[in-house]
Amino acid sequence: MPMARYIHIQNLDTPNKTRLKIKYCQGFFCKLRGLMLRARIAPAEGLLFVYKRDSRVDTSIHMLFMKFDIAVIWINSSMQVVDKTLAKRWKLAYAPREAAQYVLEAHPDRLNDFEIGDKVELQHV
């Protein structure tokens, strides 16, 4: 089993006070599990789901089997935030307003760390 890969996400327009340590989630099983069935998420952690191309459909999420709400940030292939929302547990589906290639799921307190139009950078840990 491959070792988990972690990255930091840096908002280039509004630098975060606390760095986010994000699990880079590209494989099928990582995406399938996501944050489902976890008891909580720490304020400085999250998951980044990575897709092959910008898409509204592929980057849609569901909140079934979630025990807590999360901040969801959609980022396109140009590394620009295209949408964000506070996703409520057990809600059926959320989709971005514009196509995205990355979906960042983080603690709800991190929602205001990103604004639509912000540029972000992925940094290896």
C-alpha atoms as a PDB file:
ATOM      1  CA  MET A   1       0.000   0.000   0.000  1.00  0.00           C
ATOM      2  CA  PRO A   2       1.506   3.389  -0.985  1.00  0.00           C
ATOM      3  CA  MET A   3       2.308   5.889   1.739  1.00  0.00           C
ATOM      4  CA  ALA A   4      -0.036   8.863   2.009  1.00  0.00           C
ATOM      5  CA  ARG A   5       1.167  12.008   0.246  1.00  0.00           C
ATOM      6  CA  TYR A   6       0.659  15.341   1.985  1.00  0.00           C
ATOM      7  CA  ILE A   7       0.873  18.861   0.632  1.00  0.00           C
ATOM      8  CA  HIS A   8       0.328  22.413   1.834  1.00  0.00           C
ATOM      9  CA  ILE A   9      -2.036  24.762   0.017  1.00  0.00           C
ATOM     10  CA  GLN A  10      -0.977  28.384  -0.079  1.00  0.00           C
ATOM     11  CA  ASN A  11      -3.519  31.077  -0.963  1.00  0.00           C
ATOM     12  CA  LEU A  12      -1.437  33.565  -2.959  1.00  0.00           C
ATOM     13  CA  ASP A  13      -4.012  36.363  -2.604  1.00  0.00           C
ATOM     14  CA  THR A  14      -4.780  35.967   1.105  1.00  0.00           C
ATOM     15  CA  PRO A  15      -2.059  33.992   2.878  1.00  0.00           C
ATOM     16  CA  ASN A  16      -3.359  31.677   5.598  1.00  0.00           C
ATOM     17  CA  LYS A  17      -2.263  32.294   9.148  1.00  0.00           C
ATOM     18  CA  THR A  18      -2.210  28.558   9.845  1.00  0.00           C
ATOM     19  CA  ARG A  19      -0.932  26.300   7.086  1.00  0.00           C
ATOM     20  CA  LEU A  20      -3.242  23.539   5.957  1.00  0.00           C
ATOM     21  CA  LYS A  21      -1.700  20.056   5.845  1.00  0.00           C
ATOM     22  CA  ILE A  22      -3.710  18.346   3.143  1.00  0.00           C
ATOM     23  CA  LYS A  23      -3.805  14.709   2.097  1.00  0.00           C
ATOM     24  CA  TYR A  24      -3.376  14.540  -1.695  1.00  0.00           C
ATOM     25  CA  CYS A  25      -6.164  12.217  -2.832  1.00  0.00           C
ATOM     26  CA  GLN A  26      -5.851  11.038  -6.425  1.00  0.00           C
ATOM     27  CA  GLY A  27      -6.651   7.309  -6.262  1.00  0.00           C
ATOM     28  CA  PHE A  28     -10.057   5.671  -6.520  1.00  0.00           C
ATOM     29  CA  PHE A  29     -10.203   4.305  -2.958  1.00  0.00           C
ATOM     30  CA  CYS A  30      -9.009   7.558  -1.392  1.00  0.00           C
ATOM     31  CA  LYS A  31     -11.751   9.446  -3.257  1.00  0.00           C
ATOM     32  CA  LEU A  32     -14.338   6.799  -2.395  1.00  0.00           C
ATOM     33  CA  ARG A  33     -13.635   6.996   1.342  1.00  0.00           C
ATOM     34  CA  GLY A  34     -12.972  10.716   1.592  1.00  0.00           C
ATOM     35  CA  LEU A  35     -13.950  11.973   5.038  1.00  0.00           C
ATOM     36  CA  MET A  36     -16.938   9.639   5.409  1.00  0.00           C
ATOM     37  CA  LEU A  37     -17.348   7.968   8.794  1.00  0.00           C
ATOM     38  CA  ARG A  38     -14.628  10.050  10.449  1.00  0.00           C
ATOM     39  CA  ALA A  39     -15.554  11.523  13.819  1.00  0.00           C
ATOM     40  CA  ARG A  40     -14.028  14.956  13.117  1.00  0.00           C
ATOM     41  CA  ILE A  41     -11.458  16.919  11.152  1.00  0.00           C
ATOM     42  CA  ALA A  42      -8.775  19.103  12.740  1.00  0.00           C
ATOM     43  CA  PRO A  43      -8.736  22.826  11.816  1.00  0.00           C
ATOM     44  CA  ALA A  44      -5.378  22.525  10.007  1.00  0.00           C
ATOM     45  CA  GLU A  45      -6.052  19.362   7.975  1.00  0.00           C
ATOM     46  CA  GLY A  46      -8.086  18.304   4.976  1.00  0.00           C
ATOM     47  CA  LEU A  47      -8.257  16.365   1.729  1.00  0.00           C
ATOM     48  CA  LEU A  48      -7.555  17.507  -1.814  1.00  0.00           C
ATOM     49  CA  PHE A  49      -9.340  15.430  -4.433  1.00  0.00           C
ATOM     50  CA  VAL A  50      -7.511  15.557  -7.770  1.00  0.00           C
ATOM     51  CA  TYR A  51      -9.220  14.889 -11.108  1.00  0.00           C
ATOM     52  CA  LYS A  52      -7.845  14.584 -14.653  1.00  0.00           C
ATOM     53  CA  ARG A  53      -9.580  17.671 -16.038  1.00  0.00           C
ATOM     54  CA  ASP A  54     -11.860  20.552 -15.160  1.00  0.00           C
ATOM     55  CA  SER A  55     -15.432  19.316 -14.739  1.00  0.00           C
ATOM     56  CA  ARG A  56     -18.577  20.223 -12.819  1.00  0.00           C
ATOM     57  CA  VAL A  57     -19.846  16.639 -12.767  1.00  0.00           C
ATOM     58  CA  ASP A  58     -16.625  14.873 -11.723  1.00  0.00           C
ATOM     59  CA  THR A  59     -16.008  17.313  -8.879  1.00  0.00           C
ATOM     60  CA  SER A  60     -19.515  17.108  -7.425  1.00  0.00           C
ATOM     61  CA  ILE A  61     -19.603  15.728  -3.891  1.00  0.00           C
ATOM     62  CA  HIS A  62     -22.134  14.151  -1.553  1.00  0.00           C
ATOM     63  CA  MET A  63     -22.322  14.424   2.215  1.00  0.00           C
ATOM     64  CA  LEU A  64     -23.937  11.064   2.977  1.00  0.00           C
ATOM     65  CA  PHE A  65     -22.466   9.249   6.002  1.00  0.00           C
ATOM     66  CA  MET A  66     -20.731  12.442   7.141  1.00  0.00           C
ATOM     67  CA  LYS A  67     -20.736  13.189  10.873  1.00  0.00           C
ATOM     68  CA  PHE A  68     -19.809  16.879  10.524  1.00  0.00           C
ATOM     69  CA  ASP A  69     -20.068  19.850   8.137  1.00  0.00           C
ATOM     70  CA  ILE A  70     -17.051  20.815   6.006  1.00  0.00           C
ATOM     71  CA  ALA A  71     -15.707  23.723   3.990  1.00  0.00           C
ATOM     72  CA  VAL A  72     -15.498  22.801   0.310  1.00  0.00           C
ATOM     73  CA  ILE A  73     -13.309  24.821  -2.051  1.00  0.00           C
ATOM     74  CA  TRP A  74     -13.308  24.077  -5.798  1.00  0.00           C
ATOM     75  CA  ILE A  75     -10.134  24.981  -7.727  1.00  0.00           C
ATOM     76  CA  ASN A  76      -9.678  24.815 -11.501  1.00  0.00           C
ATOM     77  CA  SER A  77      -6.643  23.676 -13.519  1.00  0.00           C
ATOM     78  CA  SER A  78      -5.367  27.292 -13.552  1.00  0.00           C
ATOM     79  CA  MET A  79      -5.166  27.048  -9.737  1.00  0.00           C
ATOM     80  CA  GLN A  80      -7.938  29.592  -9.242  1.00  0.00           C
ATOM     81  CA  VAL A  81     -10.789  29.189  -6.736  1.00  0.00           C
ATOM     82  CA  VAL A  82     -14.010  28.908  -8.766  1.00  0.00           C
ATOM     83  CA  ASP A  83     -16.507  28.173  -5.978  1.00  0.00           C
ATOM     84  CA  LYS A  84     -16.841  27.425  -2.278  1.00  0.00           C
ATOM     85  CA  THR A  85     -19.532  26.346   0.164  1.00  0.00           C
ATOM     86  CA  LEU A  86     -20.196  25.133   3.653  1.00  0.00           C
ATOM     87  CA  ALA A  87     -21.349  21.565   2.984  1.00  0.00           C
ATOM     88  CA  LYS A  88     -23.854  20.274   5.525  1.00  0.00           C
ATOM     89  CA  ARG A  89     -23.702  16.677   6.716  1.00  0.00           C
ATOM     90  CA  TRP A  90     -26.141  14.251   5.097  1.00  0.00           C
ATOM     91  CA  LYS A  91     -27.033  16.620   2.223  1.00  0.00           C
ATOM     92  CA  LEU A  92     -27.317  14.676  -1.004  1.00  0.00           C
ATOM     93  CA  ALA A  93     -25.112  16.670  -3.385  1.00  0.00           C
ATOM     94  CA  TYR A  94     -23.053  19.789  -4.025  1.00  0.00           C
ATOM     95  CA  ALA A  95     -21.611  20.848  -7.384  1.00  0.00           C
ATOM     96  CA  PRO A  96     -19.419  23.827  -8.256  1.00  0.00           C
ATOM     97  CA  ARG A  97     -20.824  26.746 -10.261  1.00  0.00           C
ATOM     98  CA  GLU A  98     -17.876  26.440 -12.651  1.00  0.00           C
ATOM     99  CA  ALA A  99     -15.773  23.475 -13.717  1.00  0.00           C
ATOM    100  CA  ALA A 100     -12.966  22.507 -11.353  1.00  0.00           C
ATOM    101  CA  GLN A 101     -10.102  20.014 -11.284  1.00  0.00           C
ATOM    102  CA  TYR A 102      -9.489  20.020  -7.508  1.00  0.00           C
ATOM    103  CA  VAL A 103     -11.840  19.761  -4.541  1.00  0.00           C
ATOM    104  CA  LEU A 104     -10.489  20.847  -1.166  1.00  0.00           C
ATOM    105  CA  GLU A 105     -12.396  19.558   1.862  1.00  0.00           C
ATOM    106  CA  ALA A 106     -11.391  21.168   5.149  1.00  0.00           C
ATOM    107  CA  HIS A 107     -12.621  22.208   8.593  1.00  0.00           C
ATOM    108  CA  PRO A 108     -15.598  24.629   8.412  1.00  0.00           C
ATOM    109  CA  ASP A 109     -13.510  27.371  10.065  1.00  0.00           C
ATOM    110  CA  ARG A 110     -11.311  27.448   6.918  1.00  0.00           C
ATOM    111  CA  LEU A 111     -14.104  28.476   4.539  1.00  0.00           C
ATOM    112  CA  ASN A 112     -13.209  32.180   4.730  1.00  0.00           C
ATOM    113  CA  ASP A 113      -9.509  31.472   4.076  1.00  0.00           C
ATOM    114  CA  PHE A 114     -10.431  31.354   0.371  1.00  0.00           C
ATOM    115  CA  GLU A 115     -12.495  33.621  -1.883  1.00  0.00           C
ATOM    116  CA  ILE A 116     -13.716  32.986  -5.413  1.00  0.00           C
ATOM    117  CA  GLY A 117     -11.029  34.264  -7.788  1.00  0.00           C
ATOM    118  CA  ASP A 118      -8.102  33.656  -5.390  1.00  0.00           C
ATOM    119  CA  LYS A 119      -5.009  31.983  -6.846  1.00  0.00           C
ATOM    120  CA  VAL A 120      -3.576  29.045  -4.909  1.00  0.00           C
ATOM    121  CA  GLU A 121      -0.355  27.064  -5.012  1.00  0.00           C
ATOM    122  CA  LEU A 122       0.264  23.456  -4.028  1.00  0.00           C
ATOM    123  CA  GLN A 123       3.479  22.925  -2.066  1.00  0.00           C
ATOM    124  CA  HIS A 124       5.059  19.562  -1.303  1.00  0.00           C
ATOM    125  CA  VAL A 125       5.577  18.788   2.398  1.00  0.00           C
END
